[in-house]
Amino acid sequence: MADDSPSLYLITPVITRADAFAPALRDAIQAADVACVYLRLAAMGESESARVATQLAPIAQERGAAALFADPRIAARANADGAHVFGQG
């Protein structure tokens, strides 16, 4: 029989530092069945965003959750699972 219980889609607060946010991310994805985490990064340069993303994406992925970022370039650099793209309207 398939397990049809729901999984969670987590949306983080705006993240400025990976080291400061990593423990909260670990706690959150261990507390429930999380399918996906949209990691919202603060406005920073592309290199810094990629560094933060590269540190955080594996934390979600190690627990089987997809890691998403708003910027597809950052998602690609972090080997994330995709990008959360906002529509116009």
PDB file of N, CA and C in Angstrom:
ATOM      1  N   MET A   1       0.840  -1.178   0.000  1.00  0.00           N
ATOM      2  CA  MET A   1       0.000   0.000   0.000  1.00  0.00           C
ATOM      3  C   MET A   1       0.884   1.241   0.000  1.00  0.00           C
ATOM      4  N   ALA A   2       0.544   2.200  -0.820  1.00  0.00           N
ATOM      5  CA  ALA A   2       1.307   3.445  -0.912  1.00  0.00           C
ATOM      6  C   ALA A   2       1.008   4.346   0.278  1.00  0.00           C
ATOM      7  N   ASP A   3       2.024   5.045   0.703  1.00  0.00           N
ATOM      8  CA  ASP A   3       1.850   6.024   1.771  1.00  0.00           C
ATOM      9  C   ASP A   3       1.365   7.319   1.129  1.00  0.00           C
ATOM     10  N   ASP A   4       0.126   7.707   1.420  1.00  0.00           N
ATOM     11  CA  ASP A   4      -0.435   8.915   0.812  1.00  0.00           C
ATOM     12  C   ASP A   4      -0.508  10.081   1.785  1.00  0.00           C
ATOM     13  N   SER A   5       0.283  10.006   2.860  1.00  0.00           N
ATOM     14  CA  SER A   5       0.302  11.132   3.787  1.00  0.00           C
ATOM     15  C   SER A   5       1.056  12.299   3.144  1.00  0.00           C
ATOM     16  N   PRO A   6       0.672  13.505   3.486  1.00  0.00           N
ATOM     17  CA  PRO A   6       1.280  14.670   2.828  1.00  0.00           C
ATOM     18  C   PRO A   6       2.716  14.907   3.283  1.00  0.00           C
ATOM     19  N   SER A   7       3.469  15.507   2.409  1.00  0.00           N
ATOM     20  CA  SER A   7       4.823  15.973   2.715  1.00  0.00           C
ATOM     21  C   SER A   7       4.795  17.495   2.736  1.00  0.00           C
ATOM     22  N   LEU A   8       5.764  18.072   3.373  1.00  0.00           N
ATOM     23  CA  LEU A   8       5.804  19.519   3.516  1.00  0.00           C
ATOM     24  C   LEU A   8       6.678  20.186   2.469  1.00  0.00           C
ATOM     25  N   TYR A   9       6.319  21.404   2.103  1.00  0.00           N
ATOM     26  CA  TYR A   9       7.124  22.289   1.262  1.00  0.00           C
ATOM     27  C   TYR A   9       7.499  23.451   2.172  1.00  0.00           C
ATOM     28  N   LEU A  10       8.753  23.503   2.583  1.00  0.00           N
ATOM     29  CA  LEU A  10       9.204  24.546   3.490  1.00  0.00           C
ATOM     30  C   LEU A  10       9.716  25.754   2.717  1.00  0.00           C
ATOM     31  N   ILE A  11       9.377  26.925   3.200  1.00  0.00           N
ATOM     32  CA  ILE A  11       9.886  28.180   2.668  1.00  0.00           C
ATOM     33  C   ILE A  11      10.618  28.859   3.819  1.00  0.00           C
ATOM     34  N   THR A  12      11.894  29.106   3.626  1.00  0.00           N
ATOM     35  CA  THR A  12      12.709  29.646   4.707  1.00  0.00           C
ATOM     36  C   THR A  12      12.531  31.158   4.847  1.00  0.00           C
ATOM     37  N   PRO A  13      12.904  31.679   5.992  1.00  0.00           N
ATOM     38  CA  PRO A  13      13.047  33.133   6.081  1.00  0.00           C
ATOM     39  C   PRO A  13      14.238  33.531   5.204  1.00  0.00           C
ATOM     40  N   VAL A  14      14.449  34.799   5.008  1.00  0.00           N
ATOM     41  CA  VAL A  14      15.588  35.257   4.213  1.00  0.00           C
ATOM     42  C   VAL A  14      16.879  34.899   4.958  1.00  0.00           C
ATOM     43  N   ILE A  15      17.775  34.253   4.243  1.00  0.00           N
ATOM     44  CA  ILE A  15      19.022  33.744   4.835  1.00  0.00           C
ATOM     45  C   ILE A  15      20.166  34.676   4.462  1.00  0.00           C
ATOM     46  N   THR A  16      20.907  35.100   5.486  1.00  0.00           N
ATOM     47  CA  THR A  16      22.070  35.947   5.241  1.00  0.00           C
ATOM     48  C   THR A  16      23.376  35.179   5.416  1.00  0.00           C
ATOM     49  N   ARG A  17      23.377  34.167   6.294  1.00  0.00           N
ATOM     50  CA  ARG A  17      24.597  33.389   6.566  1.00  0.00           C
ATOM     51  C   ARG A  17      24.254  31.913   6.662  1.00  0.00           C
ATOM     52  N   ALA A  18      24.998  31.096   5.935  1.00  0.00           N
ATOM     53  CA  ALA A  18      24.760  29.652   5.949  1.00  0.00           C
ATOM     54  C   ALA A  18      25.029  29.060   7.317  1.00  0.00           C
ATOM     55  N   ASP A  19      26.117  29.454   7.959  1.00  0.00           N
ATOM     56  CA  ASP A  19      26.473  28.869   9.247  1.00  0.00           C
ATOM     57  C   ASP A  19      25.439  29.187  10.326  1.00  0.00           C
ATOM     58  N   ALA A  20      24.817  30.339  10.235  1.00  0.00           N
ATOM     59  CA  ALA A  20      23.804  30.716  11.219  1.00  0.00           C
ATOM     60  C   ALA A  20      22.481  29.989  10.980  1.00  0.00           C
ATOM     61  N   PHE A  21      22.186  29.664   9.720  1.00  0.00           N
ATOM     62  CA  PHE A  21      20.892  29.055   9.410  1.00  0.00           C
ATOM     63  C   PHE A  21      20.932  27.528   9.362  1.00  0.00           C
ATOM     64  N   ALA A  22      22.084  26.943   9.123  1.00  0.00           N
ATOM     65  CA  ALA A  22      22.193  25.495   8.952  1.00  0.00           C
ATOM     66  C   ALA A  22      21.573  24.681  10.099  1.00  0.00           C
ATOM     67  N   PRO A  23      21.811  25.020  11.367  1.00  0.00           N
ATOM     68  CA  PRO A  23      21.200  24.221  12.440  1.00  0.00           C
ATOM     69  C   PRO A  23      19.666  24.237  12.404  1.00  0.00           C
ATOM     70  N   ALA A  24      19.078  25.384  12.117  1.00  0.00           N
ATOM     71  CA  ALA A  24      17.611  25.465  12.041  1.00  0.00           C
ATOM     72  C   ALA A  24      17.092  24.647  10.870  1.00  0.00           C
ATOM     73  N   LEU A  25      17.804  24.658   9.759  1.00  0.00           N
ATOM     74  CA  LEU A  25      17.400  23.860   8.603  1.00  0.00           C
ATOM     75  C   LEU A  25      17.454  22.375   8.926  1.00  0.00           C
ATOM     76  N   ARG A  26      18.535  21.950   9.549  1.00  0.00           N
ATOM     77  CA  ARG A  26      18.647  20.532   9.946  1.00  0.00           C
ATOM     78  C   ARG A  26      17.496  20.129  10.863  1.00  0.00           C
ATOM     79  N   ASP A  27      17.215  20.950  11.852  1.00  0.00           N
ATOM     80  CA  ASP A  27      16.124  20.644  12.793  1.00  0.00           C
ATOM     81  C   ASP A  27      14.784  20.552  12.071  1.00  0.00           C
ATOM     82  N   ALA A  28      14.524  21.470  11.171  1.00  0.00           N
ATOM     83  CA  ALA A  28      13.228  21.505  10.477  1.00  0.00           C
ATOM     84  C   ALA A  28      13.023  20.283   9.597  1.00  0.00           C
ATOM     85  N   ILE A  29      14.047  19.883   8.862  1.00  0.00           N
ATOM     86  CA  ILE A  29      13.828  18.753   7.949  1.00  0.00           C
ATOM     87  C   ILE A  29      13.870  17.405   8.661  1.00  0.00           C
ATOM     88  N   GLN A  30      14.358  17.386   9.887  1.00  0.00           N
ATOM     89  CA  GLN A  30      14.311  16.154  10.661  1.00  0.00           C
ATOM     90  C   GLN A  30      13.005  16.005  11.430  1.00  0.00           C
ATOM     91  N   ALA A  31      12.260  17.084  11.563  1.00  0.00           N
ATOM     92  CA  ALA A  31      11.045  17.070  12.371  1.00  0.00           C
ATOM     93  C   ALA A  31       9.829  16.514  11.645  1.00  0.00           C
ATOM     94  N   ALA A  32       9.877  16.478  10.309  1.00  0.00           N
ATOM     95  CA  ALA A  32       8.701  16.039   9.550  1.00  0.00           C
ATOM     96  C   ALA A  32       9.155  15.527   8.186  1.00  0.00           C
ATOM     97  N   ASP A  33       8.221  14.985   7.439  1.00  0.00           N
ATOM     98  CA  ASP A  33       8.492  14.540   6.076  1.00  0.00           C
ATOM     99  C   ASP A  33       8.471  15.767   5.173  1.00  0.00           C
ATOM    100  N   VAL A  34       9.650  16.206   4.763  1.00  0.00           N
ATOM    101  CA  VAL A  34       9.783  17.407   3.942  1.00  0.00           C
ATOM    102  C   VAL A  34      10.139  16.976   2.527  1.00  0.00           C
ATOM    103  N   ALA A  35       9.328  17.392   1.572  1.00  0.00           N
ATOM    104  CA  ALA A  35       9.574  17.054   0.171  1.00  0.00           C
ATOM    105  C   ALA A  35      10.462  18.078  -0.505  1.00  0.00           C
ATOM    106  N   CYS A  36      10.349  19.341  -0.080  1.00  0.00           N
ATOM    107  CA  CYS A  36      11.016  20.419  -0.799  1.00  0.00           C
ATOM    108  C   CYS A  36      11.296  21.578   0.146  1.00  0.00           C
ATOM    109  N   VAL A  37      12.432  22.236  -0.078  1.00  0.00           N
ATOM    110  CA  VAL A  37      12.785  23.417   0.702  1.00  0.00           C
ATOM    111  C   VAL A  37      13.159  24.543  -0.264  1.00  0.00           C
ATOM    112  N   TYR A  38      12.432  25.634  -0.192  1.00  0.00           N
ATOM    113  CA  TYR A  38      12.767  26.836  -0.964  1.00  0.00           C
ATOM    114  C   TYR A  38      13.624  27.696  -0.059  1.00  0.00           C
ATOM    115  N   LEU A  39      14.906  27.785  -0.377  1.00  0.00           N
ATOM    116  CA  LEU A  39      15.880  28.517   0.419  1.00  0.00           C
ATOM    117  C   LEU A  39      15.978  29.943  -0.113  1.00  0.00           C
ATOM    118  N   ARG A  40      15.453  30.875   0.650  1.00  0.00           N
ATOM    119  CA  ARG A  40      15.399  32.287   0.237  1.00  0.00           C
ATOM    120  C   ARG A  40      16.654  33.000   0.713  1.00  0.00           C
ATOM    121  N   LEU A  41      17.492  33.379  -0.236  1.00  0.00           N
ATOM    122  CA  LEU A  41      18.742  34.046   0.098  1.00  0.00           C
ATOM    123  C   LEU A  41      18.584  35.556   0.089  1.00  0.00           C
ATOM    124  N   ALA A  42      19.286  36.204   1.007  1.00  0.00           N
ATOM    125  CA  ALA A  42      19.316  37.668   1.046  1.00  0.00           C
ATOM    126  C   ALA A  42      20.002  38.184  -0.210  1.00  0.00           C
ATOM    127  N   ALA A  43      19.757  39.435  -0.521  1.00  0.00           N
ATOM    128  CA  ALA A  43      20.422  40.061  -1.658  1.00  0.00           C
ATOM    129  C   ALA A  43      21.911  40.158  -1.347  1.00  0.00           C
ATOM    130  N   MET A  44      22.705  39.514  -2.184  1.00  0.00           N
ATOM    131  CA  MET A  44      24.159  39.530  -2.048  1.00  0.00           C
ATOM    132  C   MET A  44      24.739  39.227  -3.419  1.00  0.00           C
ATOM    133  N   GLY A  45      25.999  39.351  -3.569  1.00  0.00           N
ATOM    134  CA  GLY A  45      26.627  39.065  -4.851  1.00  0.00           C
ATOM    135  C   GLY A  45      26.459  37.605  -5.256  1.00  0.00           C
ATOM    136  N   GLU A  46      26.624  37.340  -6.548  1.00  0.00           N
ATOM    137  CA  GLU A  46      26.425  35.985  -7.049  1.00  0.00           C
ATOM    138  C   GLU A  46      27.395  34.983  -6.424  1.00  0.00           C
ATOM    139  N   SER A  47      28.642  35.369  -6.245  1.00  0.00           N
ATOM    140  CA  SER A  47      29.627  34.455  -5.642  1.00  0.00           C
ATOM    141  C   SER A  47      29.248  34.107  -4.214  1.00  0.00           C
ATOM    142  N   GLU A  48      28.841  35.106  -3.443  1.00  0.00           N
ATOM    143  CA  GLU A  48      28.442  34.857  -2.051  1.00  0.00           C
ATOM    144  C   GLU A  48      27.164  34.031  -2.004  1.00  0.00           C
ATOM    145  N   SER A  49      26.209  34.329  -2.868  1.00  0.00           N
ATOM    146  CA  SER A  49      24.972  33.544  -2.925  1.00  0.00           C
ATOM    147  C   SER A  49      25.278  32.086  -3.245  1.00  0.00           C
ATOM    148  N   ALA A  50      26.158  31.876  -4.202  1.00  0.00           N
ATOM    149  CA  ALA A  50      26.525  30.505  -4.573  1.00  0.00           C
ATOM    150  C   ALA A  50      27.213  29.787  -3.417  1.00  0.00           C
ATOM    151  N   ARG A  51      28.051  30.504  -2.685  1.00  0.00           N
ATOM    152  CA  ARG A  51      28.727  29.893  -1.530  1.00  0.00           C
ATOM    153  C   ARG A  51      27.727  29.468  -0.468  1.00  0.00           C
ATOM    154  N   VAL A  52      26.780  30.344  -0.151  1.00  0.00           N
ATOM    155  CA  VAL A  52      25.748  30.025   0.846  1.00  0.00           C
ATOM    156  C   VAL A  52      24.883  28.868   0.344  1.00  0.00           C
ATOM    157  N   ALA A  53      24.487  28.932  -0.907  1.00  0.00           N
ATOM    158  CA  ALA A  53      23.633  27.890  -1.480  1.00  0.00           C
ATOM    159  C   ALA A  53      24.328  26.539  -1.483  1.00  0.00           C
ATOM    160  N   THR A  54      25.606  26.526  -1.798  1.00  0.00           N
ATOM    161  CA  THR A  54      26.373  25.282  -1.843  1.00  0.00           C
ATOM    162  C   THR A  54      26.490  24.648  -0.462  1.00  0.00           C
ATOM    163  N   GLN A  55      26.465  25.451   0.575  1.00  0.00           N
ATOM    164  CA  GLN A  55      26.517  24.923   1.934  1.00  0.00           C
ATOM    165  C   GLN A  55      25.169  24.398   2.403  1.00  0.00           C
ATOM    166  N   LEU A  56      24.071  25.029   1.966  1.00  0.00           N
ATOM    167  CA  LEU A  56      22.753  24.669   2.487  1.00  0.00           C
ATOM    168  C   LEU A  56      22.023  23.606   1.678  1.00  0.00           C
ATOM    169  N   ALA A  57      22.172  23.607   0.365  1.00  0.00           N
ATOM    170  CA  ALA A  57      21.437  22.638  -0.459  1.00  0.00           C
ATOM    171  C   ALA A  57      21.671  21.197  -0.018  1.00  0.00           C
ATOM    172  N   PRO A  58      22.909  20.776   0.260  1.00  0.00           N
ATOM    173  CA  PRO A  58      23.116  19.384   0.658  1.00  0.00           C
ATOM    174  C   PRO A  58      22.423  18.990   1.953  1.00  0.00           C
ATOM    175  N   ILE A  59      22.201  19.943   2.833  1.00  0.00           N
ATOM    176  CA  ILE A  59      21.514  19.621   4.093  1.00  0.00           C
ATOM    177  C   ILE A  59      20.108  19.128   3.797  1.00  0.00           C
ATOM    178  N   ALA A  60      19.415  19.809   2.901  1.00  0.00           N
ATOM    179  CA  ALA A  60      18.068  19.366   2.512  1.00  0.00           C
ATOM    180  C   ALA A  60      18.136  18.070   1.715  1.00  0.00           C
ATOM    181  N   GLN A  61      19.046  18.000   0.763  1.00  0.00           N
ATOM    182  CA  GLN A  61      19.130  16.855  -0.126  1.00  0.00           C
ATOM    183  C   GLN A  61      19.500  15.563   0.598  1.00  0.00           C
ATOM    184  N   GLU A  62      20.323  15.666   1.632  1.00  0.00           N
ATOM    185  CA  GLU A  62      20.709  14.471   2.389  1.00  0.00           C
ATOM    186  C   GLU A  62      19.516  13.802   3.056  1.00  0.00           C
ATOM    187  N   ARG A  63      18.465  14.553   3.320  1.00  0.00           N
ATOM    188  CA  ARG A  63      17.239  14.017   3.923  1.00  0.00           C
ATOM    189  C   ARG A  63      16.184  13.703   2.870  1.00  0.00           C
ATOM    190  N   GLY A  64      16.553  13.795   1.590  1.00  0.00           N
ATOM    191  CA  GLY A  64      15.621  13.458   0.514  1.00  0.00           C
ATOM    192  C   GLY A  64      14.716  14.590   0.086  1.00  0.00           C
ATOM    193  N   ALA A  65      14.987  15.800   0.554  1.00  0.00           N
ATOM    194  CA  ALA A  65      14.169  16.950   0.169  1.00  0.00           C
ATOM    195  C   ALA A  65      14.826  17.672  -1.001  1.00  0.00           C
ATOM    196  N   ALA A  66      14.028  18.139  -1.921  1.00  0.00           N
ATOM    197  CA  ALA A  66      14.537  18.935  -3.032  1.00  0.00           C
ATOM    198  C   ALA A  66      14.908  20.320  -2.520  1.00  0.00           C
ATOM    199  N   ALA A  67      16.022  20.840  -3.000  1.00  0.00           N
ATOM    200  CA  ALA A  67      16.469  22.184  -2.638  1.00  0.00           C
ATOM    201  C   ALA A  67      16.211  23.113  -3.816  1.00  0.00           C
ATOM    202  N   LEU A  68      15.484  24.197  -3.563  1.00  0.00           N
ATOM    203  CA  LEU A  68      15.163  25.185  -4.597  1.00  0.00           C
ATOM    204  C   LEU A  68      15.693  26.552  -4.203  1.00  0.00           C
ATOM    205  N   PHE A  69      16.075  27.333  -5.226  1.00  0.00           N
ATOM    206  CA  PHE A  69      16.490  28.717  -5.039  1.00  0.00           C
ATOM    207  C   PHE A  69      15.755  29.567  -6.050  1.00  0.00           C
ATOM    208  N   ALA A  70      15.659  30.862  -5.815  1.00  0.00           N
ATOM    209  CA  ALA A  70      14.948  31.749  -6.741  1.00  0.00           C
ATOM    210  C   ALA A  70      15.722  31.951  -8.037  1.00  0.00           C
ATOM    211  N   ASP A  71      17.029  31.959  -7.964  1.00  0.00           N
ATOM    212  CA  ASP A  71      17.864  32.242  -9.125  1.00  0.00           C
ATOM    213  C   ASP A  71      18.336  30.931  -9.753  1.00  0.00           C
ATOM    214  N   PRO A  72      17.950  30.645 -10.992  1.00  0.00           N
ATOM    215  CA  PRO A  72      18.381  29.391 -11.628  1.00  0.00           C
ATOM    216  C   PRO A  72      19.900  29.255 -11.727  1.00  0.00           C
ATOM    217  N   ARG A  73      20.620  30.373 -11.853  1.00  0.00           N
ATOM    218  CA  ARG A  73      22.090  30.294 -11.912  1.00  0.00           C
ATOM    219  C   ARG A  73      22.663  29.827 -10.586  1.00  0.00           C
ATOM    220  N   ILE A  74      22.107  30.326  -9.494  1.00  0.00           N
ATOM    221  CA  ILE A  74      22.564  29.898  -8.172  1.00  0.00           C
ATOM    222  C   ILE A  74      22.187  28.437  -7.950  1.00  0.00           C
ATOM    223  N   ALA A  75      20.992  28.067  -8.352  1.00  0.00           N
ATOM    224  CA  ALA A  75      20.570  26.666  -8.230  1.00  0.00           C
ATOM    225  C   ALA A  75      21.528  25.745  -8.968  1.00  0.00           C
ATOM    226  N   ALA A  76      21.932  26.130 -10.163  1.00  0.00           N
ATOM    227  CA  ALA A  76      22.854  25.306 -10.947  1.00  0.00           C
ATOM    228  C   ALA A  76      24.224  25.225 -10.275  1.00  0.00           C
ATOM    229  N   ARG A  77      24.709  26.345  -9.790  1.00  0.00           N
ATOM    230  CA  ARG A  77      26.039  26.356  -9.146  1.00  0.00           C
ATOM    231  C   ARG A  77      26.056  25.540  -7.863  1.00  0.00           C
ATOM    232  N   ALA A  78      24.907  25.444  -7.184  1.00  0.00           N
ATOM    233  CA  ALA A  78      24.824  24.703  -5.934  1.00  0.00           C
ATOM    234  C   ALA A  78      24.393  23.250  -6.132  1.00  0.00           C
ATOM    235  N   ASN A  79      24.237  22.831  -7.390  1.00  0.00           N
ATOM    236  CA  ASN A  79      23.720  21.487  -7.678  1.00  0.00           C
ATOM    237  C   ASN A  79      22.391  21.242  -6.979  1.00  0.00           C
ATOM    238  N   ALA A  80      21.574  22.277  -6.951  1.00  0.00           N
ATOM    239  CA  ALA A  80      20.240  22.189  -6.349  1.00  0.00           C
ATOM    240  C   ALA A  80      19.312  21.435  -7.299  1.00  0.00           C
ATOM    241  N   ASP A  81      18.111  21.208  -6.838  1.00  0.00           N
ATOM    242  CA  ASP A  81      17.144  20.436  -7.611  1.00  0.00           C
ATOM    243  C   ASP A  81      16.315  21.292  -8.554  1.00  0.00           C
ATOM    244  N   GLY A  82      16.336  22.614  -8.369  1.00  0.00           N
ATOM    245  CA  GLY A  82      15.578  23.462  -9.259  1.00  0.00           C
ATOM    246  C   GLY A  82      15.476  24.874  -8.738  1.00  0.00           C
ATOM    247  N   ALA A  83      14.642  25.636  -9.425  1.00  0.00           N
ATOM    248  CA  ALA A  83      14.421  27.030  -9.071  1.00  0.00           C
ATOM    249  C   ALA A  83      12.929  27.275  -8.882  1.00  0.00           C
ATOM    250  N   HIS A  84      12.617  28.117  -7.928  1.00  0.00           N
ATOM    251  CA  HIS A  84      11.236  28.558  -7.696  1.00  0.00           C
ATOM    252  C   HIS A  84      11.067  29.825  -8.497  1.00  0.00           C
ATOM    253  N   VAL A  85      10.332  29.729  -9.591  1.00  0.00           N
ATOM    254  CA  VAL A  85      10.175  30.861 -10.511  1.00  0.00           C
ATOM    255  C   VAL A  85       8.826  31.517 -10.274  1.00  0.00           C
ATOM    256  N   PHE A  86       8.868  32.819 -10.061  1.00  0.00           N
ATOM    257  CA  PHE A  86       7.656  33.592  -9.811  1.00  0.00           C
ATOM    258  C   PHE A  86       7.087  34.065 -11.135  1.00  0.00           C
ATOM    259  N   GLY A  87       5.758  33.951 -11.302  1.00  0.00           N
ATOM    260  CA  GLY A  87       5.107  34.419 -12.521  1.00  0.00           C
ATOM    261  C   GLY A  87       4.810  35.896 -12.473  1.00  0.00           C
ATOM    262  N   GLN A  88       4.568  36.462 -13.615  1.00  0.00           N
ATOM    263  CA  GLN A  88       4.175  37.861 -13.721  1.00  0.00           C
ATOM    264  C   GLN A  88       2.656  37.954 -13.597  1.00  0.00           C
ATOM    265  N   GLY A  89       2.177  39.001 -13.017  1.00  0.00           N
ATOM    266  CA  GLY A  89       0.733  39.152 -12.994  1.00  0.00           C
ATOM    267  C   GLY A  89       0.247  39.704 -11.781  1.00  0.00           C
TER     268      GLY A  89
END
